[in-house]
N, C-alpha and C. Protein backbone atom coordinates (compact mmCIF):
# COMPACT_ATOMS: atom_id res chain seq x y z
N MET A 1 -17.45 -1.08 2.48
CA MET A 1 -17.01 -0.60 3.79
C MET A 1 -15.49 -0.66 3.89
N ILE A 2 -14.91 0.35 4.48
CA ILE A 2 -13.46 0.40 4.66
C ILE A 2 -13.01 -0.74 5.58
N GLU A 3 -11.97 -1.45 5.14
CA GLU A 3 -11.32 -2.47 5.97
C GLU A 3 -9.83 -2.21 5.94
N MET A 4 -9.25 -1.97 7.12
CA MET A 4 -7.82 -1.67 7.19
C MET A 4 -7.19 -2.34 8.40
N PHE A 5 -5.91 -2.67 8.25
CA PHE A 5 -5.11 -3.20 9.35
C PHE A 5 -3.84 -2.37 9.40
N LEU A 6 -3.70 -1.58 10.47
CA LEU A 6 -2.57 -0.66 10.60
C LEU A 6 -1.70 -1.08 11.77
N CYS A 7 -0.40 -1.10 11.56
CA CYS A 7 0.50 -1.56 12.62
C CYS A 7 1.82 -0.81 12.58
N SER A 8 2.64 -1.02 13.62
CA SER A 8 3.98 -0.44 13.67
C SER A 8 4.98 -1.34 12.98
N TYR A 9 4.82 -2.64 13.24
CA TYR A 9 5.82 -3.64 12.84
C TYR A 9 5.07 -4.90 12.45
N PHE A 10 4.94 -5.15 11.14
CA PHE A 10 4.07 -6.23 10.68
C PHE A 10 4.48 -7.58 11.23
N ALA A 11 5.78 -7.87 11.24
CA ALA A 11 6.24 -9.16 11.75
C ALA A 11 5.87 -9.33 13.22
N GLY A 12 5.88 -8.23 13.98
CA GLY A 12 5.52 -8.28 15.40
C GLY A 12 4.03 -8.39 15.63
N ALA A 13 3.24 -8.04 14.63
CA ALA A 13 1.78 -8.10 14.74
C ALA A 13 1.19 -9.18 13.84
N ALA A 14 2.04 -10.09 13.37
CA ALA A 14 1.61 -11.10 12.39
C ALA A 14 0.50 -11.99 12.93
N THR A 15 0.58 -12.36 14.21
CA THR A 15 -0.46 -13.20 14.80
C THR A 15 -1.80 -12.47 14.81
N LEU A 16 -1.75 -11.18 15.11
CA LEU A 16 -2.98 -10.36 15.10
C LEU A 16 -3.54 -10.28 13.68
N PHE A 17 -2.64 -10.13 12.70
CA PHE A 17 -3.11 -10.06 11.31
C PHE A 17 -3.71 -11.38 10.87
N GLU A 18 -3.12 -12.47 11.31
CA GLU A 18 -3.65 -13.79 10.93
C GLU A 18 -5.09 -13.94 11.40
N ASP A 19 -5.35 -13.50 12.64
CA ASP A 19 -6.72 -13.54 13.16
C ASP A 19 -7.63 -12.59 12.38
N TYR A 20 -7.12 -11.40 12.09
CA TYR A 20 -7.89 -10.41 11.33
C TYR A 20 -8.21 -10.96 9.94
N ALA A 21 -7.22 -11.54 9.29
CA ALA A 21 -7.39 -12.06 7.93
C ALA A 21 -8.41 -13.20 7.90
N ARG A 22 -8.37 -14.03 8.91
CA ARG A 22 -9.30 -15.17 8.97
C ARG A 22 -10.75 -14.69 8.94
N GLN A 23 -10.99 -13.54 9.55
CA GLN A 23 -12.36 -13.01 9.63
C GLN A 23 -12.72 -12.08 8.46
N ASN A 24 -11.71 -11.44 7.86
CA ASN A 24 -12.01 -10.36 6.92
C ASN A 24 -11.46 -10.51 5.50
N ILE A 25 -10.55 -11.45 5.29
CA ILE A 25 -9.89 -11.55 3.98
C ILE A 25 -10.07 -12.93 3.37
N ARG A 26 -10.56 -12.96 2.14
CA ARG A 26 -10.69 -14.23 1.42
C ARG A 26 -9.56 -14.42 0.43
N ALA A 27 -9.07 -13.33 -0.14
CA ALA A 27 -8.00 -13.40 -1.14
C ALA A 27 -6.73 -13.96 -0.52
N LYS A 28 -5.92 -14.61 -1.34
CA LYS A 28 -4.66 -15.17 -0.86
C LYS A 28 -3.46 -14.57 -1.60
N GLU A 29 -3.66 -13.40 -2.19
CA GLU A 29 -2.56 -12.69 -2.82
C GLU A 29 -2.52 -11.28 -2.27
N VAL A 30 -1.33 -10.79 -1.98
CA VAL A 30 -1.17 -9.43 -1.48
C VAL A 30 -0.24 -8.65 -2.40
N LEU A 31 -0.66 -7.45 -2.77
CA LEU A 31 0.20 -6.55 -3.54
C LEU A 31 1.03 -5.78 -2.53
N PHE A 32 2.34 -5.90 -2.62
CA PHE A 32 3.28 -5.49 -1.57
C PHE A 32 4.10 -4.30 -2.06
N ILE A 33 3.90 -3.14 -1.44
CA ILE A 33 4.62 -1.92 -1.83
C ILE A 33 5.71 -1.62 -0.79
N PRO A 34 6.98 -1.88 -1.11
CA PRO A 34 8.08 -1.66 -0.17
C PRO A 34 8.74 -0.29 -0.33
N THR A 35 8.16 0.57 -1.14
CA THR A 35 8.80 1.80 -1.61
C THR A 35 9.33 2.70 -0.50
N ALA A 36 8.59 2.85 0.60
CA ALA A 36 9.01 3.76 1.67
C ALA A 36 10.38 3.43 2.23
N ALA A 37 10.79 2.17 2.11
CA ALA A 37 12.08 1.73 2.65
C ALA A 37 13.25 2.07 1.74
N ASN A 38 12.98 2.53 0.53
CA ASN A 38 14.05 2.81 -0.44
C ASN A 38 15.09 3.78 0.09
N VAL A 39 14.67 4.73 0.92
CA VAL A 39 15.58 5.78 1.39
C VAL A 39 16.07 5.53 2.82
N GLU A 40 15.85 4.32 3.32
CA GLU A 40 16.27 3.97 4.68
C GLU A 40 17.50 3.06 4.66
N GLU A 41 18.37 3.21 5.65
CA GLU A 41 19.53 2.32 5.75
C GLU A 41 19.10 0.95 6.26
N TYR A 42 18.24 0.95 7.30
CA TYR A 42 17.76 -0.31 7.87
C TYR A 42 16.43 -0.66 7.22
N ARG A 43 16.35 -1.85 6.62
CA ARG A 43 15.09 -2.24 5.97
C ARG A 43 14.78 -3.73 6.12
N ASP A 44 15.33 -4.34 7.16
CA ASP A 44 15.07 -5.77 7.39
C ASP A 44 13.58 -6.07 7.54
N TYR A 45 12.84 -5.08 8.06
CA TYR A 45 11.41 -5.28 8.30
C TYR A 45 10.64 -5.59 7.01
N VAL A 46 11.19 -5.17 5.87
CA VAL A 46 10.53 -5.45 4.59
C VAL A 46 10.55 -6.95 4.31
N ASP A 47 11.73 -7.56 4.43
CA ASP A 47 11.85 -9.01 4.23
C ASP A 47 11.07 -9.78 5.28
N GLU A 48 11.07 -9.27 6.51
CA GLU A 48 10.32 -9.93 7.59
C GLU A 48 8.83 -9.94 7.29
N ALA A 49 8.33 -8.85 6.73
CA ALA A 49 6.91 -8.79 6.37
C ALA A 49 6.59 -9.76 5.24
N LYS A 50 7.47 -9.82 4.24
CA LYS A 50 7.28 -10.77 3.14
C LYS A 50 7.20 -12.20 3.68
N GLU A 51 8.14 -12.53 4.58
CA GLU A 51 8.18 -13.88 5.15
C GLU A 51 6.93 -14.17 5.96
N ALA A 52 6.45 -13.17 6.71
CA ALA A 52 5.24 -13.36 7.52
C ALA A 52 4.03 -13.64 6.63
N PHE A 53 3.89 -12.88 5.55
CA PHE A 53 2.79 -13.13 4.61
C PHE A 53 2.89 -14.53 4.01
N ALA A 54 4.11 -14.91 3.60
CA ALA A 54 4.31 -16.23 2.98
C ALA A 54 3.95 -17.35 3.94
N LYS A 55 4.32 -17.20 5.21
CA LYS A 55 4.00 -18.22 6.21
C LYS A 55 2.50 -18.38 6.39
N MET A 56 1.76 -17.30 6.16
CA MET A 56 0.30 -17.35 6.28
C MET A 56 -0.36 -17.84 4.99
N GLY A 57 0.44 -18.17 4.00
CA GLY A 57 -0.11 -18.71 2.76
C GLY A 57 -0.45 -17.68 1.71
N PHE A 58 0.02 -16.44 1.89
CA PHE A 58 -0.25 -15.40 0.90
C PHE A 58 0.81 -15.42 -0.19
N GLU A 59 0.38 -15.23 -1.42
CA GLU A 59 1.31 -15.02 -2.53
C GLU A 59 1.62 -13.53 -2.56
N VAL A 60 2.90 -13.19 -2.50
CA VAL A 60 3.32 -11.79 -2.42
C VAL A 60 3.76 -11.29 -3.79
N GLN A 61 3.10 -10.24 -4.27
CA GLN A 61 3.47 -9.61 -5.54
C GLN A 61 4.06 -8.23 -5.22
N ILE A 62 5.33 -8.02 -5.59
CA ILE A 62 6.03 -6.78 -5.25
C ILE A 62 5.74 -5.69 -6.28
N LEU A 63 5.49 -4.48 -5.76
CA LEU A 63 5.32 -3.31 -6.63
C LEU A 63 6.06 -2.13 -6.00
N ASP A 64 7.23 -1.80 -6.54
CA ASP A 64 7.94 -0.60 -6.11
C ASP A 64 7.44 0.54 -6.99
N VAL A 65 6.63 1.40 -6.41
CA VAL A 65 5.99 2.44 -7.22
C VAL A 65 6.97 3.48 -7.74
N SER A 66 8.17 3.54 -7.16
CA SER A 66 9.17 4.50 -7.65
C SER A 66 9.79 4.02 -8.96
N LYS A 67 9.72 2.71 -9.22
CA LYS A 67 10.35 2.13 -10.41
C LYS A 67 9.33 1.73 -11.48
N ALA A 68 8.14 1.38 -11.06
CA ALA A 68 7.11 0.95 -12.02
C ALA A 68 6.58 2.15 -12.81
N SER A 69 6.11 1.88 -14.01
CA SER A 69 5.46 2.95 -14.78
C SER A 69 4.11 3.26 -14.15
N GLU A 70 3.59 4.43 -14.44
CA GLU A 70 2.28 4.81 -13.91
C GLU A 70 1.22 3.81 -14.36
N ALA A 71 1.27 3.39 -15.61
CA ALA A 71 0.27 2.45 -16.14
C ALA A 71 0.34 1.11 -15.43
N GLU A 72 1.57 0.60 -15.22
CA GLU A 72 1.73 -0.69 -14.55
C GLU A 72 1.24 -0.61 -13.11
N ALA A 73 1.64 0.46 -12.40
CA ALA A 73 1.25 0.61 -11.00
C ALA A 73 -0.26 0.71 -10.86
N LYS A 74 -0.90 1.51 -11.72
CA LYS A 74 -2.35 1.67 -11.64
C LYS A 74 -3.08 0.36 -11.97
N ALA A 75 -2.55 -0.38 -12.93
CA ALA A 75 -3.18 -1.66 -13.30
C ALA A 75 -3.11 -2.65 -12.15
N LYS A 76 -1.96 -2.72 -11.49
CA LYS A 76 -1.79 -3.68 -10.39
C LYS A 76 -2.61 -3.29 -9.17
N ILE A 77 -2.61 -2.00 -8.84
CA ILE A 77 -3.42 -1.55 -7.70
C ILE A 77 -4.91 -1.69 -8.02
N GLY A 78 -5.27 -1.43 -9.26
CA GLY A 78 -6.66 -1.55 -9.68
C GLY A 78 -7.19 -2.97 -9.64
N ALA A 79 -6.29 -3.94 -9.75
CA ALA A 79 -6.70 -5.35 -9.75
C ALA A 79 -6.56 -6.01 -8.38
N ALA A 80 -5.83 -5.38 -7.47
CA ALA A 80 -5.54 -6.00 -6.17
C ALA A 80 -6.76 -6.03 -5.26
N GLN A 81 -6.79 -7.03 -4.40
CA GLN A 81 -7.82 -7.10 -3.36
C GLN A 81 -7.25 -6.78 -1.98
N VAL A 82 -5.95 -7.04 -1.83
CA VAL A 82 -5.26 -6.74 -0.57
C VAL A 82 -3.98 -5.98 -0.91
N LEU A 83 -3.78 -4.84 -0.26
CA LEU A 83 -2.60 -4.01 -0.50
C LEU A 83 -1.84 -3.83 0.81
N TYR A 84 -0.54 -4.12 0.77
CA TYR A 84 0.33 -3.86 1.93
C TYR A 84 1.29 -2.74 1.56
N VAL A 85 1.43 -1.76 2.47
CA VAL A 85 2.35 -0.64 2.26
C VAL A 85 3.33 -0.62 3.43
N SER A 86 4.61 -0.75 3.12
CA SER A 86 5.63 -0.94 4.16
C SER A 86 6.00 0.35 4.88
N GLY A 87 6.81 0.17 5.91
CA GLY A 87 7.38 1.30 6.63
C GLY A 87 8.57 1.89 5.89
N GLY A 88 9.05 3.02 6.41
CA GLY A 88 10.16 3.73 5.80
C GLY A 88 9.94 5.22 5.99
N ASN A 89 10.24 6.01 4.99
CA ASN A 89 10.04 7.45 5.09
C ASN A 89 8.65 7.83 4.60
N THR A 90 7.86 8.37 5.51
CA THR A 90 6.46 8.71 5.24
C THR A 90 6.32 9.71 4.09
N PHE A 91 7.18 10.71 4.08
CA PHE A 91 7.07 11.80 3.10
C PHE A 91 7.51 11.34 1.71
N TYR A 92 8.58 10.57 1.67
CA TYR A 92 9.04 10.01 0.39
C TYR A 92 7.96 9.10 -0.19
N LEU A 93 7.37 8.27 0.67
CA LEU A 93 6.32 7.35 0.23
C LEU A 93 5.16 8.10 -0.41
N LEU A 94 4.66 9.12 0.28
CA LEU A 94 3.53 9.89 -0.25
C LEU A 94 3.89 10.59 -1.56
N ARG A 95 5.09 11.13 -1.62
CA ARG A 95 5.49 11.80 -2.86
C ARG A 95 5.47 10.82 -4.04
N GLU A 96 6.01 9.63 -3.82
CA GLU A 96 6.07 8.65 -4.90
C GLU A 96 4.67 8.17 -5.31
N LEU A 97 3.78 8.01 -4.33
CA LEU A 97 2.41 7.61 -4.65
C LEU A 97 1.68 8.71 -5.43
N LYS A 98 1.89 9.95 -5.02
CA LYS A 98 1.16 11.06 -5.65
C LYS A 98 1.70 11.40 -7.04
N LYS A 99 2.99 11.19 -7.26
CA LYS A 99 3.59 11.49 -8.56
C LYS A 99 2.89 10.74 -9.69
N LYS A 100 2.37 9.55 -9.36
CA LYS A 100 1.75 8.72 -10.40
C LYS A 100 0.24 8.58 -10.20
N GLY A 101 -0.33 9.45 -9.35
CA GLY A 101 -1.78 9.43 -9.16
C GLY A 101 -2.28 8.21 -8.40
N LEU A 102 -1.40 7.59 -7.61
CA LEU A 102 -1.77 6.34 -6.95
C LEU A 102 -2.46 6.55 -5.61
N ALA A 103 -2.17 7.67 -4.95
CA ALA A 103 -2.80 7.94 -3.65
C ALA A 103 -4.32 8.03 -3.80
N THR A 104 -4.76 8.75 -4.82
CA THR A 104 -6.20 8.90 -5.08
C THR A 104 -6.83 7.56 -5.44
N LEU A 105 -6.13 6.78 -6.25
CA LEU A 105 -6.63 5.46 -6.66
C LEU A 105 -6.78 4.53 -5.46
N ILE A 106 -5.75 4.49 -4.62
CA ILE A 106 -5.78 3.63 -3.44
C ILE A 106 -6.92 4.05 -2.52
N ALA A 107 -6.99 5.35 -2.21
CA ALA A 107 -8.02 5.84 -1.29
C ALA A 107 -9.42 5.54 -1.81
N GLY A 108 -9.64 5.72 -3.09
CA GLY A 108 -10.95 5.46 -3.68
C GLY A 108 -11.35 4.00 -3.58
N ARG A 109 -10.41 3.10 -3.86
CA ARG A 109 -10.71 1.67 -3.83
C ARG A 109 -10.90 1.18 -2.39
N VAL A 110 -10.17 1.77 -1.44
CA VAL A 110 -10.36 1.38 -0.04
C VAL A 110 -11.72 1.86 0.45
N ARG A 111 -12.08 3.09 0.12
CA ARG A 111 -13.38 3.64 0.56
C ARG A 111 -14.55 2.85 -0.01
N SER A 112 -14.39 2.34 -1.22
CA SER A 112 -15.49 1.60 -1.86
C SER A 112 -15.57 0.16 -1.36
N GLY A 113 -14.59 -0.26 -0.56
CA GLY A 113 -14.59 -1.63 -0.05
C GLY A 113 -13.99 -2.64 -1.00
N GLU A 114 -13.43 -2.18 -2.12
CA GLU A 114 -12.84 -3.10 -3.11
C GLU A 114 -11.44 -3.55 -2.71
N LEU A 115 -10.78 -2.76 -1.88
CA LEU A 115 -9.38 -3.00 -1.54
C LEU A 115 -9.18 -2.97 -0.03
N ILE A 116 -8.60 -4.02 0.52
CA ILE A 116 -8.25 -4.05 1.94
C ILE A 116 -6.84 -3.50 2.08
N TYR A 117 -6.67 -2.54 2.98
CA TYR A 117 -5.40 -1.83 3.12
C TYR A 117 -4.68 -2.30 4.38
N VAL A 118 -3.42 -2.69 4.21
CA VAL A 118 -2.57 -3.09 5.33
C VAL A 118 -1.38 -2.15 5.34
N GLY A 119 -1.22 -1.39 6.42
CA GLY A 119 -0.14 -0.41 6.48
C GLY A 119 0.75 -0.62 7.68
N GLU A 120 2.06 -0.59 7.44
CA GLU A 120 3.05 -0.75 8.52
C GLU A 120 3.82 0.56 8.70
N SER A 121 3.82 1.10 9.91
CA SER A 121 4.59 2.30 10.25
C SER A 121 4.25 3.46 9.31
N ALA A 122 5.15 3.85 8.41
CA ALA A 122 4.83 4.92 7.46
C ALA A 122 3.58 4.59 6.67
N GLY A 123 3.41 3.32 6.33
CA GLY A 123 2.23 2.87 5.60
C GLY A 123 0.95 3.06 6.39
N ALA A 124 1.07 3.06 7.74
CA ALA A 124 -0.08 3.33 8.60
C ALA A 124 -0.31 4.83 8.73
N MET A 125 0.77 5.59 8.86
CA MET A 125 0.65 7.03 9.08
C MET A 125 0.02 7.75 7.88
N ILE A 126 0.27 7.28 6.67
CA ILE A 126 -0.29 7.97 5.50
C ILE A 126 -1.81 7.81 5.39
N ALA A 127 -2.39 6.92 6.19
CA ALA A 127 -3.85 6.75 6.17
C ALA A 127 -4.56 7.94 6.82
N ALA A 128 -3.83 8.73 7.60
CA ALA A 128 -4.40 9.88 8.32
C ALA A 128 -4.70 11.03 7.35
N PRO A 129 -5.45 12.04 7.82
CA PRO A 129 -5.75 13.19 6.96
C PRO A 129 -4.50 13.98 6.54
N SER A 130 -3.52 14.02 7.45
CA SER A 130 -2.27 14.74 7.18
C SER A 130 -1.13 13.98 7.85
N VAL A 131 0.07 14.12 7.30
CA VAL A 131 1.23 13.47 7.92
C VAL A 131 2.23 14.49 8.45
N GLU A 132 1.79 15.72 8.58
CA GLU A 132 2.69 16.76 9.11
C GLU A 132 3.31 16.31 10.43
N TYR A 133 2.52 15.65 11.28
CA TYR A 133 2.99 15.21 12.59
C TYR A 133 4.13 14.20 12.50
N ALA A 134 4.25 13.52 11.35
CA ALA A 134 5.30 12.52 11.17
C ALA A 134 6.68 13.14 11.04
N SER A 135 6.75 14.46 10.85
CA SER A 135 8.05 15.12 10.68
C SER A 135 8.90 15.01 11.95
N VAL A 136 8.26 14.73 13.08
CA VAL A 136 9.00 14.52 14.33
C VAL A 136 9.77 13.20 14.26
N MET A 137 9.22 12.24 13.54
CA MET A 137 9.79 10.89 13.47
C MET A 137 10.59 10.67 12.18
N ASP A 138 10.16 11.28 11.09
CA ASP A 138 10.79 11.10 9.78
C ASP A 138 11.32 12.42 9.25
N ASP A 139 12.35 12.35 8.44
CA ASP A 139 12.91 13.54 7.79
C ASP A 139 12.04 13.89 6.58
N ALA A 140 11.40 15.05 6.65
CA ALA A 140 10.54 15.48 5.53
C ALA A 140 11.37 15.89 4.32
N GLY A 141 12.64 16.20 4.55
CA GLY A 141 13.58 16.49 3.47
C GLY A 141 13.02 17.48 2.46
N ASP A 142 13.25 17.21 1.19
CA ASP A 142 12.77 18.10 0.13
C ASP A 142 11.64 17.43 -0.66
N TYR A 143 10.85 16.60 0.06
CA TYR A 143 9.81 15.85 -0.63
C TYR A 143 8.58 16.70 -0.96
N GLY A 144 8.54 17.94 -0.44
CA GLY A 144 7.53 18.88 -0.90
C GLY A 144 6.26 18.92 -0.07
N ALA A 145 5.56 20.04 -0.17
CA ALA A 145 4.32 20.25 0.58
C ALA A 145 3.24 19.26 0.18
N ALA A 146 3.29 18.79 -1.07
CA ALA A 146 2.28 17.84 -1.55
C ALA A 146 2.32 16.54 -0.76
N ALA A 147 3.48 16.26 -0.16
CA ALA A 147 3.63 15.02 0.59
C ALA A 147 3.10 15.15 2.02
N GLN A 148 2.47 16.27 2.36
CA GLN A 148 1.94 16.47 3.71
C GLN A 148 0.53 15.90 3.87
N THR A 149 -0.25 15.90 2.79
CA THR A 149 -1.64 15.45 2.87
C THR A 149 -1.71 13.94 2.74
N GLY A 150 -2.38 13.31 3.72
CA GLY A 150 -2.47 11.85 3.72
C GLY A 150 -3.63 11.34 2.86
N LEU A 151 -3.88 10.05 2.97
CA LEU A 151 -4.96 9.43 2.21
C LEU A 151 -6.33 9.77 2.78
N ASP A 152 -6.35 10.25 4.04
CA ASP A 152 -7.60 10.68 4.69
C ASP A 152 -8.62 9.54 4.74
N LEU A 153 -8.15 8.37 5.09
CA LEU A 153 -9.03 7.20 5.19
C LEU A 153 -9.55 7.00 6.61
N VAL A 154 -8.86 7.60 7.58
CA VAL A 154 -9.28 7.53 8.98
C VAL A 154 -9.23 8.93 9.56
N LYS A 155 -9.95 9.14 10.64
CA LYS A 155 -9.98 10.47 11.26
C LYS A 155 -9.08 10.53 12.50
N PHE A 156 -8.28 9.50 12.68
CA PHE A 156 -7.29 9.52 13.76
C PHE A 156 -5.90 9.49 13.14
N TYR A 157 -4.90 9.64 14.00
CA TYR A 157 -3.52 9.74 13.53
C TYR A 157 -2.67 8.67 14.23
N PRO A 158 -2.35 7.59 13.52
CA PRO A 158 -1.56 6.52 14.15
C PRO A 158 -0.16 7.02 14.54
N VAL A 159 0.27 6.64 15.73
CA VAL A 159 1.64 6.92 16.17
C VAL A 159 2.32 5.57 16.38
N PRO A 160 3.08 5.11 15.39
CA PRO A 160 3.70 3.78 15.51
C PRO A 160 4.91 3.78 16.44
N HIS A 161 5.28 2.59 16.87
CA HIS A 161 6.50 2.35 17.67
C HIS A 161 6.46 3.04 19.03
N TYR A 162 5.26 3.25 19.59
CA TYR A 162 5.17 3.94 20.89
C TYR A 162 5.87 3.10 21.96
N GLY A 163 6.82 3.71 22.65
CA GLY A 163 7.56 3.02 23.70
C GLY A 163 8.61 2.06 23.19
N GLU A 164 8.90 2.10 21.90
CA GLU A 164 9.83 1.14 21.29
C GLU A 164 11.09 1.85 20.79
N GLU A 165 12.25 1.28 21.11
CA GLU A 165 13.51 1.81 20.57
C GLU A 165 13.59 1.54 19.07
N PRO A 166 14.19 2.40 18.28
CA PRO A 166 14.82 3.68 18.66
C PRO A 166 13.87 4.88 18.54
N PHE A 167 12.57 4.62 18.72
CA PHE A 167 11.57 5.68 18.50
C PHE A 167 10.91 6.17 19.79
N VAL A 168 11.46 5.78 20.94
CA VAL A 168 10.83 6.17 22.22
C VAL A 168 10.68 7.68 22.30
N GLN A 169 11.77 8.40 22.04
CA GLN A 169 11.75 9.85 22.17
C GLN A 169 10.87 10.51 21.12
N SER A 170 11.01 10.10 19.85
CA SER A 170 10.24 10.77 18.79
C SER A 170 8.74 10.52 18.94
N ALA A 171 8.35 9.31 19.35
CA ALA A 171 6.92 9.03 19.56
C ALA A 171 6.38 9.88 20.71
N ALA A 172 7.18 10.00 21.78
CA ALA A 172 6.77 10.82 22.92
C ALA A 172 6.67 12.29 22.52
N GLU A 173 7.58 12.74 21.66
CA GLU A 173 7.55 14.13 21.20
C GLU A 173 6.31 14.42 20.34
N ILE A 174 5.89 13.43 19.55
CA ILE A 174 4.66 13.60 18.77
C ILE A 174 3.47 13.82 19.70
N LEU A 175 3.39 13.00 20.75
CA LEU A 175 2.28 13.14 21.70
C LEU A 175 2.32 14.49 22.40
N LYS A 176 3.53 14.94 22.73
CA LYS A 176 3.67 16.22 23.42
C LYS A 176 3.30 17.39 22.50
N ALA A 177 3.75 17.33 21.25
CA ALA A 177 3.53 18.44 20.32
C ALA A 177 2.11 18.48 19.75
N TYR A 178 1.51 17.30 19.55
CA TYR A 178 0.24 17.25 18.83
C TYR A 178 -0.92 16.64 19.64
N GLY A 179 -0.63 16.24 20.86
CA GLY A 179 -1.65 15.55 21.66
C GLY A 179 -2.92 16.33 21.89
N ASP A 180 -2.81 17.66 21.97
CA ASP A 180 -4.01 18.47 22.21
C ASP A 180 -4.61 19.02 20.91
N LYS A 181 -4.00 18.65 19.77
CA LYS A 181 -4.49 19.15 18.48
C LYS A 181 -5.08 18.06 17.60
N LEU A 182 -4.53 16.85 17.71
CA LEU A 182 -4.93 15.75 16.83
C LEU A 182 -5.42 14.56 17.64
N ASN A 183 -6.23 13.73 17.02
CA ASN A 183 -6.70 12.50 17.65
C ASN A 183 -5.64 11.41 17.45
N LEU A 184 -4.59 11.48 18.26
CA LEU A 184 -3.46 10.56 18.13
C LEU A 184 -3.81 9.19 18.70
N THR A 185 -3.36 8.15 18.00
CA THR A 185 -3.59 6.77 18.45
C THR A 185 -2.26 6.03 18.46
N PRO A 186 -1.58 6.02 19.62
CA PRO A 186 -0.28 5.36 19.69
C PRO A 186 -0.41 3.84 19.81
N ILE A 187 0.48 3.12 19.13
CA ILE A 187 0.54 1.66 19.24
C ILE A 187 2.00 1.23 19.30
N ASN A 188 2.24 0.15 20.04
CA ASN A 188 3.60 -0.38 20.09
C ASN A 188 3.81 -1.40 18.97
N ASN A 189 4.96 -2.07 18.99
CA ASN A 189 5.29 -2.97 17.88
C ASN A 189 4.52 -4.29 17.88
N ALA A 190 3.81 -4.57 18.96
CA ALA A 190 3.04 -5.81 19.04
C ALA A 190 1.54 -5.56 18.92
N GLU A 191 1.16 -4.31 18.72
CA GLU A 191 -0.25 -3.94 18.61
C GLU A 191 -0.61 -3.57 17.18
N ALA A 192 -1.90 -3.44 16.93
CA ALA A 192 -2.37 -3.03 15.60
C ALA A 192 -3.73 -2.35 15.75
N ILE A 193 -4.13 -1.66 14.70
CA ILE A 193 -5.44 -1.01 14.67
C ILE A 193 -6.24 -1.63 13.53
N ALA A 194 -7.38 -2.20 13.87
CA ALA A 194 -8.28 -2.75 12.85
C ALA A 194 -9.38 -1.73 12.61
N VAL A 195 -9.56 -1.36 11.35
CA VAL A 195 -10.57 -0.36 10.98
C VAL A 195 -11.68 -1.05 10.21
N HIS A 196 -12.91 -0.87 10.68
CA HIS A 196 -14.09 -1.42 10.02
C HIS A 196 -15.05 -0.25 9.79
N GLY A 197 -15.14 0.23 8.56
CA GLY A 197 -15.99 1.38 8.29
C GLY A 197 -15.47 2.61 9.01
N ASP A 198 -16.33 3.25 9.81
CA ASP A 198 -15.90 4.43 10.56
C ASP A 198 -15.55 4.10 12.00
N LYS A 199 -15.41 2.82 12.30
CA LYS A 199 -15.05 2.38 13.64
C LYS A 199 -13.68 1.71 13.61
N PHE A 200 -12.99 1.77 14.75
CA PHE A 200 -11.70 1.08 14.82
C PHE A 200 -11.49 0.51 16.22
N GLU A 201 -10.65 -0.50 16.29
CA GLU A 201 -10.30 -1.10 17.57
C GLU A 201 -8.80 -1.37 17.60
N ILE A 202 -8.23 -1.27 18.79
CA ILE A 202 -6.81 -1.56 18.95
C ILE A 202 -6.67 -3.02 19.36
N LEU A 203 -5.92 -3.76 18.58
CA LEU A 203 -5.71 -5.19 18.82
C LEU A 203 -4.40 -5.40 19.58
N GLY A 204 -4.39 -6.40 20.44
CA GLY A 204 -3.16 -6.76 21.13
C GLY A 204 -2.99 -6.13 22.49
N ARG A 205 -4.01 -5.40 22.97
CA ARG A 205 -3.92 -4.79 24.31
C ARG A 205 -4.67 -5.64 25.31
């Protein structure tokens, strides 16, 4: 069964994750993919997420998929029980995952229940069927059309940072542009979405 924890800001939702983990996670090691932040100027949230995991007793293993070989990345993802994917640029992240065949591997292991997926911001948005809607919030740049298709693990579309600076306007624009077309699920920085199979609940409200 699919098990996922999707949030806007992991450090802000750490208490929610701790409760979620107590009920759903036995492993004490997390494979941590910070790759989406590579193209961002501000990336403090990556270190904050590492610290939050460490405080909860998780051993954090870093995997930057843009630098690792395809074989190394596939071996580590294939062996992981818990995967965290950080925030940053949604389109860059998907491109880097797909270049090495990792998107398919991740999606398959999550669907089979072998891998618990934890996604923050961009890491949450790529769980949707498509990330075209993220172009309002992130620069799609020249990352290519292949970076538009998400992991398709959920049938809703997370909208992170709802009502939170500096994303107040872009999150509102996503709702305005796509609200009547997609099943948008907005969350603020203190909320999260827990996915159990084909059901989900918003935590922190």
